[in-house]
C-alpha atoms as a PDB file:
ATOM      1  CA  UNK A   1      -0.205   0.170  -0.388  1.00  0.00           C
ATOM      2  CA  UNK A   2       2.533   2.308   0.596  1.00  0.00           C
ATOM      3  CA  UNK A   3       3.683   2.625  -3.424  1.00  0.00           C
ATOM      4  CA  UNK A   4       0.189   4.326  -3.485  1.00  0.00           C
ATOM      5  CA  UNK A   5      -0.607   8.051  -2.737  1.00  0.00           C
ATOM      6  CA  UNK A   6      -3.711  10.168  -3.234  1.00  0.00           C
ATOM      7  CA  UNK A   7      -3.341  13.322  -4.643  1.00  0.00           C
ATOM      8  CA  UNK A   8      -5.609  15.327  -2.922  1.00  0.00           C
ATOM      9  CA  UNK A   9      -5.731  18.655  -4.860  1.00  0.00           C
ATOM     10  CA  UNK A  10      -6.616  16.490  -8.344  1.00  0.00           C
ATOM     11  CA  UNK A  11      -9.932  15.984  -7.570  1.00  0.00           C
ATOM     12  CA  UNK A  12     -13.337  16.827  -9.070  1.00  0.00           C
ATOM     13  CA  UNK A  13     -17.404  16.572  -8.463  1.00  0.00           C
ATOM     14  CA  UNK A  14     -20.030  15.803 -10.757  1.00  0.00           C
ATOM     15  CA  UNK A  15     -23.338  14.391 -10.516  1.00  0.00           C
ATOM     16  CA  UNK A  16     -24.878  11.347 -11.301  1.00  0.00           C
ATOM     17  CA  UNK A  17     -26.156  12.132 -15.471  1.00  0.00           C
ATOM     18  CA  UNK A  18     -22.349  12.937 -16.191  1.00  0.00           C
ATOM     19  CA  UNK A  19     -21.198  10.018 -18.501  1.00  0.00           C
ATOM     20  CA  UNK A  20     -19.182   7.890 -16.812  1.00  0.00           C
ATOM     21  CA  UNK A  21     -15.473   7.349 -18.166  1.00  0.00           C
ATOM     22  CA  UNK A  22     -14.094   5.579 -16.396  1.00  0.00           C
ATOM     23  CA  UNK A  23     -14.359   2.401 -18.486  1.00  0.00           C
ATOM     24  CA  UNK A  24     -12.002   4.597 -21.313  1.00  0.00           C
ATOM     25  CA  UNK A  25      -9.841   5.563 -18.241  1.00  0.00           C
ATOM     26  CA  UNK A  26      -9.081   1.801 -16.944  1.00  0.00           C
ATOM     27  CA  UNK A  27      -9.034   0.610 -20.506  1.00  0.00           C
ATOM     28  CA  UNK A  28      -6.106   3.002 -21.176  1.00  0.00           C
ATOM     29  CA  UNK A  29      -3.751   2.250 -18.877  1.00  0.00           C
ATOM     30  CA  UNK A  30      -1.326  -1.068 -19.347  1.00  0.00           C
ATOM     31  CA  UNK A  31      -2.473  -4.207 -17.936  1.00  0.00           C
ATOM     32  CA  UNK A  32      -0.025  -4.266 -14.748  1.00  0.00           C
ATOM     33  CA  UNK A  33      -0.995  -0.912 -13.795  1.00  0.00           C
ATOM     34  CA  UNK A  34      -4.677  -2.482 -13.747  1.00  0.00           C
ATOM     35  CA  UNK A  35      -3.811  -4.818 -11.675  1.00  0.00           C
ATOM     36  CA  UNK A  36      -1.899  -2.680  -9.477  1.00  0.00           C
ATOM     37  CA  UNK A  37      -4.928  -0.725  -8.919  1.00  0.00           C
ATOM     38  CA  UNK A  38      -7.170  -3.634  -8.155  1.00  0.00           C
ATOM     39  CA  UNK A  39      -4.454  -5.227  -5.655  1.00  0.00           C
ATOM     40  CA  UNK A  40      -4.523  -1.991  -3.801  1.00  0.00           C
ATOM     41  CA  UNK A  41      -8.548  -2.098  -3.597  1.00  0.00           C
ATOM     42  CA  UNK A  42      -8.247  -5.730  -2.170  1.00  0.00           C
ATOM     43  CA  UNK A  43      -6.027  -4.142   0.415  1.00  0.00           C
ATOM     44  CA  UNK A  44      -7.996  -1.209   1.114  1.00  0.00           C
ATOM     45  CA  UNK A  45     -11.121  -3.733   1.566  1.00  0.00           C
ATOM     46  CA  UNK A  46      -9.380  -6.701   2.948  1.00  0.00           C
ATOM     47  CA  UNK A  47      -6.687  -5.372   4.899  1.00  0.00           C
ATOM     48  CA  UNK A  48      -3.043  -6.395   4.428  1.00  0.00           C
ATOM     49  CA  UNK A  49      -1.221  -8.878   6.371  1.00  0.00           C
ATOM     50  CA  UNK A  50       2.573 -10.446   5.511  1.00  0.00           C
ATOM     51  CA  UNK A  51       1.643 -13.486   7.238  1.00  0.00           C
ATOM     52  CA  UNK A  52      -1.557 -14.856   4.998  1.00  0.00           C
ATOM     53  CA  UNK A  53      -2.067 -18.689   5.461  1.00  0.00           C
ATOM     54  CA  UNK A  54      -2.839 -20.923   3.080  1.00  0.00           C
ATOM     55  CA  UNK A  55      -6.684 -22.566   2.367  1.00  0.00           C
ATOM     56  CA  UNK A  56      -8.070 -25.380   3.943  1.00  0.00           C
ATOM     57  CA  UNK A  57      -7.916 -28.546   2.167  1.00  0.00           C
ATOM     58  CA  UNK A  58     -11.922 -29.058   2.613  1.00  0.00           C
ATOM     59  CA  UNK A  59     -11.679 -32.092  -0.188  1.00  0.00           C
ATOM     60  CA  UNK A  60      -9.907 -35.535   0.113  1.00  0.00           C
ATOM     61  CA  UNK A  61      -9.545 -37.674  -2.883  1.00  0.00           C
ATOM     62  CA  UNK A  62     -10.732 -41.210  -2.009  1.00  0.00           C
ATOM     63  CA  UNK A  63      -9.821 -44.561  -3.761  1.00  0.00           C
ATOM     64  CA  UNK A  64     -12.587 -47.006  -4.664  1.00  0.00           C
ATOM     65  CA  UNK A  65     -13.389 -50.210  -3.580  1.00  0.00           C
ATOM     66  CA  UNK A  66     -12.657 -53.123  -5.874  1.00  0.00           C
ATOM     67  CA  UNK A  67      -9.297 -50.954  -8.238  1.00  0.00           C
END
């Protein structure tokens, strides 16, 4: 999260009736930049921790009898 800073001097206020330029904006960005922004949103929403554990196994592979 330290790589992302908000420039608080660059904001604009619009209404719901204004056309949404977000799609065009993000499509103009390279995929790596889009993924970095997505990761920043994920960390902001879920929190960031370096000791994230692995998912628990919920299924086991069983062998059928007679094989």
